[in-house]
Amino acid sequence: MQANRRADTKPEVALRSALHRLGYRYRKDLLIRLTDVRVRPDIVFTARKVAVFVDGCFWHVCPQHGRQPTTNEWYWAPKLRRNMERDRLANAALTAAGWQVVRIWEHEPLEVALTRVKNALP
């Protein structure tokens, strides 16, 4: 598991590069401390209060591509459930604090992801 990246995944880097080329400036992997949780979105527009997460299909159980592991299910099933619960808590906490949350799956085309982020920015 050490080889699995938490930040700077290929879909995330592609989205960041495209946003930068379009003139958007952002913070990457910024820790946001809220009252009861700490959240670390992949891309953060601080002044506009927009948090963008680029989620991997396996790690965040994509409804389209996510699958239940067949080996070591005793380990992976609870871990994936915890990831999904953590995502729900982060979304709720950020929304309650006045942030807009954008979640993008790794399989989404870059143009679709760019449009979703641009639509979220005021």
Protein backbone atom coordinates (compact mmCIF):
# COMPACT_ATOMS: atom_id res chain seq x y z
CA MET A 1 0.00 0.00 0.00
CA GLN A 2 2.98 2.32 0.30
CA ALA A 3 3.04 2.66 -3.48
CA ASN A 4 -0.51 4.05 -3.53
CA ARG A 5 -0.45 7.81 -3.72
CA ARG A 6 -2.59 9.99 -1.48
CA ALA A 7 -1.85 13.10 -3.51
CA ASP A 8 -0.62 13.93 -7.00
CA THR A 9 -2.44 11.11 -8.78
CA LYS A 10 -2.54 11.27 -12.58
CA PRO A 11 -6.19 12.43 -12.81
CA GLU A 12 -5.56 15.06 -10.11
CA VAL A 13 -2.42 16.40 -11.79
CA ALA A 14 -4.19 16.56 -15.16
CA LEU A 15 -7.08 18.54 -13.65
CA ARG A 16 -4.73 20.91 -11.82
CA SER A 17 -2.68 21.51 -14.95
CA ALA A 18 -5.78 22.26 -17.01
CA LEU A 19 -7.12 24.64 -14.36
CA HIS A 20 -3.77 26.43 -14.17
CA ARG A 21 -3.62 26.79 -17.97
CA LEU A 22 -7.07 28.42 -17.83
CA GLY A 23 -5.77 30.98 -15.32
CA TYR A 24 -7.26 29.57 -12.12
CA ARG A 25 -5.10 29.74 -9.01
CA TYR A 26 -5.63 27.36 -6.12
CA ARG A 27 -3.96 25.60 -3.23
CA LYS A 28 -3.26 21.90 -3.45
CA ASP A 29 -3.65 19.41 -0.62
CA LEU A 30 -4.46 22.16 1.90
CA LEU A 31 -5.51 21.13 5.40
CA ILE A 32 -8.82 22.73 6.36
CA ARG A 33 -9.46 22.62 10.10
CA LEU A 34 -13.15 22.76 10.91
CA THR A 35 -14.65 22.59 14.38
CA ASP A 36 -14.98 18.82 14.57
CA VAL A 37 -13.04 17.46 11.59
CA ARG A 38 -9.93 18.07 9.56
CA VAL A 39 -10.28 17.81 5.80
CA ARG A 40 -7.58 17.77 3.14
CA PRO A 41 -9.13 18.36 -0.32
CA ASP A 42 -7.03 17.80 -3.43
CA ILE A 43 -7.67 21.29 -4.83
CA VAL A 44 -8.83 24.26 -2.74
CA PHE A 45 -10.01 27.68 -3.87
CA THR A 46 -9.71 29.42 -0.50
CA ALA A 47 -11.25 32.81 -1.27
CA ARG A 48 -14.17 31.23 -3.09
CA LYS A 49 -14.57 28.44 -0.52
CA VAL A 50 -14.62 25.61 -3.05
CA ALA A 51 -13.08 22.23 -2.20
CA VAL A 52 -12.41 19.75 -5.00
CA PHE A 53 -11.76 16.06 -4.42
CA VAL A 54 -10.56 13.72 -7.18
CA ASP A 55 -11.66 10.29 -5.94
CA GLY A 56 -10.28 6.97 -7.12
CA CYS A 57 -12.88 4.43 -8.20
CA PHE A 58 -11.56 1.62 -6.00
CA TRP A 59 -10.70 3.61 -2.88
CA HIS A 60 -13.98 5.54 -2.72
CA VAL A 61 -16.25 2.79 -4.13
CA CYS A 62 -17.43 4.36 -7.38
CA PRO A 63 -21.00 3.26 -8.18
CA GLN A 64 -19.94 2.70 -11.78
CA HIS A 65 -16.51 1.05 -11.44
CA GLY A 66 -16.08 0.27 -7.76
CA ARG A 67 -15.94 -3.39 -6.88
CA GLN A 68 -15.77 -5.41 -3.75
CA PRO A 69 -12.36 -7.01 -3.28
CA THR A 70 -12.22 -10.78 -3.49
CA THR A 71 -8.96 -11.33 -1.61
CA ASN A 72 -8.50 -10.28 2.00
CA GLU A 73 -12.11 -9.15 2.10
CA TRP A 74 -11.94 -9.09 5.91
CA TYR A 75 -9.47 -6.19 5.60
CA TRP A 76 -10.66 -4.31 2.52
CA ALA A 77 -14.44 -4.23 3.03
CA PRO A 78 -14.31 -2.33 6.36
CA LYS A 79 -11.55 -0.05 5.04
CA LEU A 80 -13.59 0.94 1.99
CA ARG A 81 -16.69 1.50 4.18
CA ARG A 82 -14.61 3.80 6.42
CA ASN A 83 -13.44 5.73 3.35
CA MET A 84 -17.04 6.23 2.21
CA GLU A 85 -18.11 7.34 5.70
CA ARG A 86 -15.16 9.75 5.94
CA ASP A 87 -16.15 11.24 2.57
CA ARG A 88 -19.73 11.76 3.81
CA LEU A 89 -18.52 13.41 7.02
CA ALA A 90 -16.12 15.68 5.11
CA ASN A 91 -18.87 16.73 2.69
CA ALA A 92 -21.27 17.49 5.54
CA ALA A 93 -18.70 19.41 7.59
CA LEU A 94 -17.51 21.50 4.65
CA THR A 95 -21.06 22.27 3.53
CA ALA A 96 -22.05 23.26 7.07
CA ALA A 97 -19.04 25.61 7.19
CA GLY A 98 -20.15 27.34 3.98
CA TRP A 99 -17.88 25.54 1.53
CA GLN A 100 -18.97 24.13 -1.81
CA VAL A 101 -17.78 20.57 -2.38
CA VAL A 102 -17.02 19.12 -5.81
CA ARG A 103 -16.30 15.39 -6.02
CA ILE A 104 -14.88 14.11 -9.28
CA TRP A 105 -14.33 10.43 -10.09
CA GLU A 106 -11.01 9.48 -11.64
CA HIS A 107 -12.76 8.03 -14.71
CA GLU A 108 -14.55 11.28 -15.61
CA PRO A 109 -13.21 12.93 -18.78
CA LEU A 110 -11.06 15.98 -18.16
CA GLU A 111 -13.45 18.33 -19.97
CA VAL A 112 -16.37 17.20 -17.80
CA ALA A 113 -14.29 17.64 -14.65
CA LEU A 114 -13.19 21.12 -15.75
CA THR A 115 -16.79 22.13 -16.44
CA ARG A 116 -17.92 20.90 -13.03
CA VAL A 117 -15.18 22.85 -11.26
CA LYS A 118 -15.79 26.02 -13.30
CA ASN A 119 -19.53 25.82 -12.56
CA ALA A 120 -18.82 25.60 -8.84
CA LEU A 121 -16.66 28.72 -8.83
CA PRO A 122 -18.62 31.95 -8.26
